[in-house]
N, C-alpha and C. Protein backbone atom coordinates (compact mmCIF):
# COMPACT_ATOMS: atom_id res chain seq x y z
N MET A 1 12.96 92.10 -5.95
CA MET A 1 13.24 90.76 -6.40
C MET A 1 11.98 89.91 -6.24
N ALA A 2 11.71 89.09 -7.22
CA ALA A 2 10.51 88.25 -7.19
C ALA A 2 10.68 87.11 -6.18
N ARG A 3 9.58 86.76 -5.56
CA ARG A 3 9.57 85.62 -4.63
C ARG A 3 8.93 84.44 -5.34
N VAL A 4 9.52 83.28 -5.20
CA VAL A 4 8.99 82.06 -5.80
C VAL A 4 8.95 80.96 -4.74
N SER A 5 8.16 79.93 -5.00
CA SER A 5 8.09 78.80 -4.07
C SER A 5 9.40 78.03 -4.09
N ILE A 6 9.59 77.22 -3.08
CA ILE A 6 10.80 76.41 -3.02
C ILE A 6 10.86 75.46 -4.21
N SER A 7 9.73 74.88 -4.58
CA SER A 7 9.69 73.98 -5.73
C SER A 7 10.07 74.71 -7.01
N GLU A 8 9.55 75.91 -7.19
CA GLU A 8 9.87 76.69 -8.38
C GLU A 8 11.34 77.11 -8.37
N ALA A 9 11.85 77.49 -7.20
CA ALA A 9 13.27 77.85 -7.10
C ALA A 9 14.15 76.66 -7.45
N ALA A 10 13.76 75.47 -7.02
CA ALA A 10 14.52 74.26 -7.34
C ALA A 10 14.54 74.04 -8.85
N ARG A 11 13.39 74.21 -9.48
CA ARG A 11 13.31 74.03 -10.93
C ARG A 11 14.16 75.06 -11.66
N LEU A 12 14.09 76.31 -11.23
CA LEU A 12 14.83 77.38 -11.89
C LEU A 12 16.34 77.26 -11.73
N THR A 13 16.78 76.75 -10.59
CA THR A 13 18.22 76.68 -10.32
C THR A 13 18.84 75.33 -10.65
N GLY A 14 18.00 74.32 -10.88
CA GLY A 14 18.52 72.99 -11.13
C GLY A 14 18.98 72.27 -9.87
N LYS A 15 18.62 72.82 -8.71
CA LYS A 15 18.96 72.22 -7.42
C LYS A 15 17.75 71.42 -6.93
N SER A 16 17.99 70.51 -6.01
CA SER A 16 16.88 69.75 -5.44
C SER A 16 16.21 70.57 -4.33
N ARG A 17 14.97 70.22 -4.03
CA ARG A 17 14.26 70.88 -2.93
C ARG A 17 15.01 70.62 -1.62
N THR A 18 15.58 69.43 -1.47
CA THR A 18 16.34 69.09 -0.27
C THR A 18 17.53 70.03 -0.10
N THR A 19 18.24 70.30 -1.19
CA THR A 19 19.38 71.21 -1.14
C THR A 19 18.92 72.60 -0.71
N LEU A 20 17.82 73.07 -1.26
CA LEU A 20 17.32 74.39 -0.89
C LEU A 20 16.92 74.43 0.58
N HIS A 21 16.31 73.36 1.08
CA HIS A 21 15.96 73.31 2.51
C HIS A 21 17.21 73.34 3.38
N ARG A 22 18.27 72.68 2.94
CA ARG A 22 19.54 72.73 3.68
C ARG A 22 20.09 74.15 3.71
N LEU A 23 20.03 74.83 2.58
CA LEU A 23 20.51 76.22 2.51
C LEU A 23 19.69 77.13 3.43
N ILE A 24 18.39 76.91 3.47
CA ILE A 24 17.51 77.70 4.34
C ILE A 24 17.89 77.45 5.80
N LYS A 25 18.04 76.18 6.17
CA LYS A 25 18.39 75.83 7.55
C LYS A 25 19.73 76.41 7.97
N ALA A 26 20.69 76.46 7.03
CA ALA A 26 22.02 77.00 7.31
C ALA A 26 22.03 78.53 7.34
N GLY A 27 20.93 79.16 6.91
CA GLY A 27 20.87 80.61 6.88
C GLY A 27 21.44 81.22 5.62
N ASP A 28 21.71 80.39 4.62
CA ASP A 28 22.28 80.88 3.36
C ASP A 28 21.23 81.29 2.34
N LEU A 29 19.97 80.99 2.63
CA LEU A 29 18.87 81.34 1.74
C LEU A 29 17.73 81.82 2.61
N SER A 30 17.21 83.01 2.33
CA SER A 30 16.15 83.56 3.16
C SER A 30 14.77 83.21 2.59
N THR A 31 13.79 83.17 3.49
CA THR A 31 12.42 82.86 3.10
C THR A 31 11.46 83.88 3.70
N CYS A 32 10.26 83.88 3.18
CA CYS A 32 9.16 84.64 3.77
C CYS A 32 7.90 83.81 3.57
N SER A 33 6.84 84.18 4.25
CA SER A 33 5.59 83.45 4.12
C SER A 33 4.81 83.97 2.93
N GLY A 34 4.31 83.04 2.13
CA GLY A 34 3.47 83.38 0.99
C GLY A 34 2.03 83.05 1.30
N GLU A 35 1.28 82.74 0.26
CA GLU A 35 -0.12 82.37 0.44
C GLU A 35 -0.22 81.11 1.28
N ARG A 36 -1.18 81.08 2.16
CA ARG A 36 -1.43 79.94 3.04
C ARG A 36 -0.17 79.49 3.77
N ASN A 37 0.66 80.46 4.15
CA ASN A 37 1.90 80.23 4.91
C ASN A 37 2.92 79.37 4.19
N ALA A 38 2.85 79.31 2.87
CA ALA A 38 3.85 78.58 2.09
C ALA A 38 5.15 79.37 2.13
N LYS A 39 6.27 78.67 2.26
CA LYS A 39 7.57 79.36 2.27
C LYS A 39 7.92 79.79 0.86
N MET A 40 8.35 81.04 0.75
CA MET A 40 8.78 81.61 -0.52
C MET A 40 10.23 82.03 -0.38
N VAL A 41 11.00 81.88 -1.45
CA VAL A 41 12.41 82.29 -1.43
C VAL A 41 12.62 83.42 -2.40
């Protein structure tokens, strides 16, 4: 599965970045570190 930035994931899903951050904090969306330690989903 491709990894994308949080901003790109927000654009692709029509959700806000804030919503994605809430999902990450709740453990419903996983992340990994990308370039320069940017969070990727």
